[in-house]
């Protein structure tokens, strides 16, 4: 793939995956806030935050695929 332009279908699939990850990221955010509110133990909250960060990293990788490399 690299710097080659993605086919329309492939780009649509990637955008759908990105949308799902964004939703999952928001869900984790809501869950973490709820866990903090009810006083869940810090270790469980920390694990959730780590999963949320992992999702954010995957979102960044996908966004990098969608945005062409301008600095060549």
N, C-alpha and C. Protein backbone atom coordinates (compact mmCIF):
# COMPACT_ATOMS: atom_id res chain seq x y z
N UNK A 1 0.83 -1.18 0.00
CA UNK A 1 0.00 0.00 0.00
C UNK A 1 0.88 1.25 0.00
N UNK A 2 1.59 1.54 1.09
CA UNK A 2 2.53 2.65 1.14
C UNK A 2 1.90 3.97 0.75
N UNK A 3 2.54 4.65 -0.20
CA UNK A 3 2.05 5.95 -0.64
C UNK A 3 1.06 5.84 -1.80
N UNK A 4 0.80 4.63 -2.27
CA UNK A 4 -0.13 4.45 -3.38
C UNK A 4 -1.54 4.86 -2.94
N UNK A 5 -2.29 5.38 -3.87
CA UNK A 5 -3.66 5.79 -3.58
C UNK A 5 -4.52 4.54 -3.40
N UNK A 6 -5.31 4.53 -2.35
CA UNK A 6 -6.16 3.36 -2.06
C UNK A 6 -7.33 3.31 -3.01
N UNK A 7 -7.75 2.11 -3.30
CA UNK A 7 -8.97 1.92 -4.09
C UNK A 7 -10.15 2.42 -3.27
N UNK A 8 -11.22 2.84 -3.93
CA UNK A 8 -12.38 3.39 -3.24
C UNK A 8 -12.94 2.44 -2.19
N UNK A 9 -13.08 1.17 -2.54
CA UNK A 9 -13.64 0.19 -1.61
C UNK A 9 -12.73 0.01 -0.41
N UNK A 10 -11.45 -0.08 -0.67
CA UNK A 10 -10.49 -0.25 0.43
C UNK A 10 -10.53 0.96 1.36
N UNK A 11 -10.61 2.14 0.79
CA UNK A 11 -10.68 3.36 1.60
C UNK A 11 -11.97 3.39 2.42
N UNK A 12 -13.07 2.95 1.83
CA UNK A 12 -14.34 2.89 2.54
C UNK A 12 -14.25 1.90 3.71
N UNK A 13 -13.62 0.77 3.48
CA UNK A 13 -13.44 -0.23 4.54
C UNK A 13 -12.59 0.33 5.68
N UNK A 14 -11.54 1.04 5.32
CA UNK A 14 -10.65 1.62 6.33
C UNK A 14 -11.40 2.68 7.13
N UNK A 15 -12.20 3.50 6.45
CA UNK A 15 -12.98 4.53 7.14
C UNK A 15 -14.02 3.90 8.08
N UNK A 16 -14.61 2.79 7.67
CA UNK A 16 -15.57 2.09 8.52
C UNK A 16 -14.87 1.54 9.76
N UNK A 17 -13.71 0.95 9.57
CA UNK A 17 -12.92 0.46 10.70
C UNK A 17 -12.58 1.60 11.65
N UNK A 18 -12.20 2.73 11.10
CA UNK A 18 -11.87 3.90 11.90
C UNK A 18 -13.08 4.38 12.70
N UNK A 19 -14.24 4.40 12.06
CA UNK A 19 -15.46 4.82 12.75
C UNK A 19 -15.79 3.88 13.92
N UNK A 20 -15.61 2.58 13.70
CA UNK A 20 -15.85 1.60 14.77
C UNK A 20 -14.89 1.81 15.93
N UNK A 21 -13.63 2.07 15.60
CA UNK A 21 -12.63 2.31 16.65
C UNK A 21 -12.94 3.59 17.42
N UNK A 22 -13.39 4.63 16.72
CA UNK A 22 -13.77 5.88 17.41
C UNK A 22 -14.90 5.62 18.40
N UNK A 23 -15.89 4.82 17.98
CA UNK A 23 -17.01 4.49 18.86
C UNK A 23 -16.52 3.69 20.07
N UNK A 24 -15.66 2.72 19.81
CA UNK A 24 -15.11 1.90 20.90
C UNK A 24 -14.31 2.78 21.87
N UNK A 25 -13.57 3.74 21.34
CA UNK A 25 -12.79 4.66 22.15
C UNK A 25 -13.71 5.49 23.05
N UNK A 26 -14.81 5.98 22.48
CA UNK A 26 -15.80 6.74 23.26
C UNK A 26 -16.44 5.87 24.34
N UNK A 27 -16.72 4.62 23.99
CA UNK A 27 -17.31 3.68 24.96
C UNK A 27 -16.37 3.45 26.14
N UNK A 28 -15.10 3.27 25.84
CA UNK A 28 -14.11 3.08 26.91
C UNK A 28 -14.04 4.33 27.78
N UNK A 29 -14.09 5.50 27.16
CA UNK A 29 -14.04 6.76 27.89
C UNK A 29 -15.21 6.84 28.87
N UNK A 30 -16.41 6.52 28.39
CA UNK A 30 -17.60 6.55 29.24
C UNK A 30 -17.49 5.53 30.37
N UNK A 31 -17.00 4.35 30.05
CA UNK A 31 -16.85 3.30 31.05
C UNK A 31 -15.84 3.70 32.12
N UNK A 32 -14.74 4.28 31.68
CA UNK A 32 -13.71 4.72 32.63
C UNK A 32 -14.27 5.79 33.56
N UNK A 33 -14.98 6.75 33.00
CA UNK A 33 -15.57 7.81 33.83
C UNK A 33 -16.57 7.24 34.83
N UNK A 34 -17.36 6.26 34.40
CA UNK A 34 -18.31 5.62 35.30
C UNK A 34 -17.59 4.85 36.40
N UNK A 35 -16.52 4.17 36.03
CA UNK A 35 -15.75 3.40 37.02
C UNK A 35 -15.14 4.33 38.08
N UNK A 36 -14.64 5.47 37.65
CA UNK A 36 -14.06 6.44 38.57
C UNK A 36 -15.15 6.99 39.50
N UNK A 37 -16.32 7.27 38.90
CA UNK A 37 -17.43 7.84 39.67
C UNK A 37 -17.89 6.90 40.79
N UNK A 38 -17.96 5.61 40.51
CA UNK A 38 -18.43 4.66 41.52
C UNK A 38 -17.29 4.16 42.43
N UNK A 39 -16.08 4.62 42.18
CA UNK A 39 -14.97 4.28 43.05
C UNK A 39 -14.35 2.91 42.78
N UNK A 40 -14.30 2.53 41.53
CA UNK A 40 -13.66 1.26 41.16
C UNK A 40 -12.18 1.32 41.52
N UNK A 41 -11.57 0.16 41.75
CA UNK A 41 -10.16 0.18 42.15
C UNK A 41 -9.28 0.71 41.01
N UNK A 42 -8.20 1.35 41.41
CA UNK A 42 -7.32 2.06 40.48
C UNK A 42 -6.72 1.14 39.43
N UNK A 43 -6.42 -0.09 39.78
CA UNK A 43 -5.81 -1.02 38.84
C UNK A 43 -6.75 -1.31 37.67
N UNK A 44 -8.02 -1.54 37.96
CA UNK A 44 -8.99 -1.80 36.88
C UNK A 44 -9.15 -0.58 35.99
N UNK A 45 -9.19 0.60 36.59
CA UNK A 45 -9.30 1.84 35.81
C UNK A 45 -8.06 1.99 34.93
N UNK A 46 -6.89 1.71 35.49
CA UNK A 46 -5.64 1.82 34.74
C UNK A 46 -5.62 0.87 33.54
N UNK A 47 -6.13 -0.35 33.73
CA UNK A 47 -6.19 -1.32 32.62
C UNK A 47 -7.10 -0.82 31.51
N UNK A 48 -8.23 -0.23 31.91
CA UNK A 48 -9.16 0.30 30.90
C UNK A 48 -8.51 1.46 30.14
N UNK A 49 -7.79 2.30 30.86
CA UNK A 49 -7.11 3.43 30.21
C UNK A 49 -6.07 2.92 29.22
N UNK A 50 -5.39 1.84 29.59
CA UNK A 50 -4.38 1.26 28.69
C UNK A 50 -5.03 0.73 27.42
N UNK A 51 -6.19 0.07 27.56
CA UNK A 51 -6.91 -0.43 26.38
C UNK A 51 -7.37 0.74 25.51
N UNK A 52 -7.86 1.80 26.17
CA UNK A 52 -8.32 2.98 25.44
C UNK A 52 -7.16 3.60 24.66
N UNK A 53 -5.98 3.67 25.27
CA UNK A 53 -4.80 4.21 24.60
C UNK A 53 -4.40 3.35 23.41
N UNK A 54 -4.52 2.03 23.56
CA UNK A 54 -4.21 1.11 22.47
C UNK A 54 -5.13 1.36 21.28
N UNK A 55 -6.40 1.60 21.56
CA UNK A 55 -7.37 1.90 20.50
C UNK A 55 -6.99 3.22 19.82
N UNK A 56 -6.60 4.20 20.62
CA UNK A 56 -6.20 5.50 20.07
C UNK A 56 -4.99 5.34 19.14
N UNK A 57 -4.04 4.50 19.54
CA UNK A 57 -2.87 4.23 18.71
C UNK A 57 -3.27 3.61 17.37
N UNK A 58 -4.22 2.65 17.41
CA UNK A 58 -4.69 2.02 16.17
C UNK A 58 -5.40 3.05 15.29
N UNK A 59 -6.17 3.95 15.92
CA UNK A 59 -6.85 5.00 15.16
C UNK A 59 -5.83 5.89 14.46
N UNK A 60 -4.77 6.24 15.15
CA UNK A 60 -3.72 7.09 14.57
C UNK A 60 -3.06 6.41 13.39
N UNK A 61 -2.78 5.11 13.52
CA UNK A 61 -2.17 4.36 12.41
C UNK A 61 -3.08 4.37 11.19
N UNK A 62 -4.37 4.18 11.41
CA UNK A 62 -5.33 4.15 10.29
C UNK A 62 -5.45 5.53 9.66
N UNK A 63 -5.51 6.56 10.50
CA UNK A 63 -5.59 7.92 9.97
C UNK A 63 -4.36 8.25 9.12
N UNK A 64 -3.20 7.76 9.55
CA UNK A 64 -1.97 7.97 8.77
C UNK A 64 -2.05 7.30 7.40
N UNK A 65 -2.76 6.18 7.32
CA UNK A 65 -2.94 5.50 6.03
C UNK A 65 -3.83 6.33 5.11
N UNK A 66 -4.83 6.98 5.68
CA UNK A 66 -5.79 7.73 4.88
C UNK A 66 -5.23 9.05 4.38
N UNK A 67 -4.36 9.68 5.17
CA UNK A 67 -3.81 10.98 4.79
C UNK A 67 -2.53 10.74 3.99
N UNK A 68 -2.51 11.22 2.75
CA UNK A 68 -1.32 11.02 1.93
C UNK A 68 -0.10 11.70 2.56
N UNK A 69 1.06 11.13 2.34
CA UNK A 69 2.30 11.67 2.86
C UNK A 69 2.68 12.90 2.06
N UNK A 70 2.50 14.08 2.65
CA UNK A 70 2.74 15.33 1.93
C UNK A 70 4.23 15.65 1.88
N UNK A 71 4.95 15.35 2.95
CA UNK A 71 6.39 15.62 2.99
C UNK A 71 7.11 14.44 2.36
N UNK A 72 7.44 14.59 1.10
CA UNK A 72 8.06 13.47 0.37
C UNK A 72 9.54 13.65 0.24
